[in-house]
Amino acid sequence: MNQQLHRALSRYALTFQGNILSVNCQCRMLTRVRRTHSTSPVENSL
């Protein structure tokens, strides 16, 4: 396998993984914010 191609592929995979992770974090933050606004304090402590 071409070394340059392999490097480019791994870099692309890393950026793709990073994008997925950041999107996951944003979704979690959004759901957490939504939860704090919508549910009772008892459920928030859990």
N, C-alpha and C. Protein backbone atom coordinates (compact mmCIF):
# COMPACT_ATOMS: atom_id res chain seq x y z
N MET A 1 0.84 -1.20 0.00
CA MET A 1 0.00 0.00 0.00
C MET A 1 0.88 1.25 0.00
N ASN A 2 0.43 2.27 -0.72
CA ASN A 2 1.19 3.51 -0.80
C ASN A 2 1.21 4.20 0.57
N GLN A 3 2.41 4.62 1.00
CA GLN A 3 2.54 5.24 2.33
C GLN A 3 1.75 6.54 2.41
N GLN A 4 1.85 7.35 1.34
CA GLN A 4 1.16 8.64 1.34
C GLN A 4 -0.35 8.44 1.40
N LEU A 5 -0.83 7.49 0.62
CA LEU A 5 -2.27 7.20 0.60
C LEU A 5 -2.73 6.72 1.97
N HIS A 6 -1.93 5.85 2.58
CA HIS A 6 -2.27 5.33 3.90
C HIS A 6 -2.35 6.47 4.91
N ARG A 7 -1.39 7.40 4.84
CA ARG A 7 -1.37 8.53 5.77
C ARG A 7 -2.61 9.40 5.58
N ALA A 8 -2.95 9.64 4.30
CA ALA A 8 -4.12 10.46 4.02
C ALA A 8 -5.40 9.79 4.53
N LEU A 9 -5.47 8.48 4.35
CA LEU A 9 -6.66 7.74 4.81
C LEU A 9 -6.78 7.80 6.32
N SER A 10 -5.66 7.60 7.01
CA SER A 10 -5.71 7.61 8.48
C SER A 10 -6.08 9.01 8.98
N ARG A 11 -5.55 10.05 8.30
CA ARG A 11 -5.88 11.41 8.71
C ARG A 11 -7.37 11.67 8.51
N TYR A 12 -7.91 11.19 7.37
CA TYR A 12 -9.33 11.36 7.09
C TYR A 12 -10.16 10.62 8.14
N ALA A 13 -9.72 9.41 8.51
CA ALA A 13 -10.45 8.63 9.51
C ALA A 13 -10.45 9.36 10.85
N LEU A 14 -9.30 9.96 11.20
CA LEU A 14 -9.21 10.66 12.47
C LEU A 14 -10.14 11.87 12.49
N THR A 15 -10.15 12.65 11.41
CA THR A 15 -11.02 13.82 11.38
C THR A 15 -12.48 13.39 11.40
N PHE A 16 -12.80 12.30 10.70
CA PHE A 16 -14.17 11.79 10.69
C PHE A 16 -14.59 11.37 12.09
N GLN A 17 -13.68 10.66 12.80
CA GLN A 17 -13.95 10.23 14.17
C GLN A 17 -14.15 11.46 15.06
N GLY A 18 -13.29 12.47 14.90
CA GLY A 18 -13.40 13.68 15.71
C GLY A 18 -14.74 14.37 15.48
N ASN A 19 -15.17 14.41 14.22
CA ASN A 19 -16.46 15.03 13.92
C ASN A 19 -17.59 14.29 14.61
N ILE A 20 -17.55 12.96 14.56
CA ILE A 20 -18.59 12.16 15.21
C ILE A 20 -18.58 12.42 16.71
N LEU A 21 -17.39 12.48 17.31
CA LEU A 21 -17.29 12.69 18.75
C LEU A 21 -17.85 14.05 19.12
N SER A 22 -17.50 15.10 18.37
CA SER A 22 -17.98 16.43 18.70
C SER A 22 -19.49 16.51 18.55
N VAL A 23 -20.02 15.86 17.52
CA VAL A 23 -21.48 15.84 17.33
C VAL A 23 -22.14 15.12 18.50
N ASN A 24 -21.54 14.02 18.94
CA ASN A 24 -22.09 13.28 20.08
C ASN A 24 -22.10 14.15 21.32
N CYS A 25 -21.00 14.89 21.56
CA CYS A 25 -20.92 15.76 22.73
C CYS A 25 -22.00 16.84 22.65
N GLN A 26 -22.17 17.43 21.46
CA GLN A 26 -23.19 18.46 21.31
C GLN A 26 -24.58 17.90 21.58
N CYS A 27 -24.85 16.70 21.07
CA CYS A 27 -26.16 16.09 21.30
C CYS A 27 -26.37 15.83 22.78
N ARG A 28 -25.34 15.34 23.46
CA ARG A 28 -25.47 15.08 24.89
C ARG A 28 -25.72 16.37 25.66
N MET A 29 -24.99 17.43 25.30
CA MET A 29 -25.18 18.71 25.98
C MET A 29 -26.60 19.22 25.75
N LEU A 30 -27.08 19.08 24.51
CA LEU A 30 -28.43 19.55 24.19
C LEU A 30 -29.47 18.78 24.99
N THR A 31 -29.33 17.46 25.04
CA THR A 31 -30.31 16.66 25.78
C THR A 31 -30.23 16.99 27.27
N ARG A 32 -29.02 17.24 27.77
CA ARG A 32 -28.87 17.56 29.19
C ARG A 32 -29.55 18.89 29.49
N VAL A 33 -29.32 19.89 28.61
CA VAL A 33 -29.95 21.20 28.81
C VAL A 33 -31.46 21.06 28.74
N ARG A 34 -31.94 20.29 27.76
CA ARG A 34 -33.38 20.10 27.62
C ARG A 34 -33.94 19.44 28.87
N ARG A 35 -33.19 18.47 29.41
CA ARG A 35 -33.65 17.76 30.60
C ARG A 35 -33.75 18.71 31.79
N THR A 36 -32.73 19.54 31.98
CA THR A 36 -32.73 20.44 33.13
C THR A 36 -33.90 21.41 33.04
N HIS A 37 -34.30 21.78 31.82
CA HIS A 37 -35.39 22.73 31.66
C HIS A 37 -36.74 22.06 31.79
N SER A 38 -36.82 20.77 31.45
CA SER A 38 -38.14 20.14 31.33
C SER A 38 -38.50 19.29 32.55
N THR A 39 -37.51 18.65 33.19
CA THR A 39 -37.85 17.70 34.25
C THR A 39 -37.61 18.28 35.63
N SER A 40 -37.96 17.50 36.63
CA SER A 40 -37.86 17.95 38.01
C SER A 40 -36.42 17.84 38.52
N PRO A 41 -36.06 18.59 39.57
CA PRO A 41 -34.70 18.54 40.13
C PRO A 41 -34.30 17.15 40.61
N VAL A 42 -35.27 16.34 41.02
CA VAL A 42 -34.96 15.00 41.50
C VAL A 42 -34.37 14.17 40.36
N GLU A 43 -34.96 14.27 39.17
CA GLU A 43 -34.45 13.52 38.03
C GLU A 43 -33.10 14.06 37.57
N ASN A 44 -32.88 15.37 37.75
CA ASN A 44 -31.61 15.96 37.33
C ASN A 44 -30.45 15.41 38.15
N SER A 45 -30.67 15.14 39.44
CA SER A 45 -29.59 14.64 40.29
C SER A 45 -29.16 13.24 39.86
N LEU A 46 -30.06 12.49 39.22
CA LEU A 46 -29.70 11.17 38.72
C LEU A 46 -28.94 11.32 37.44
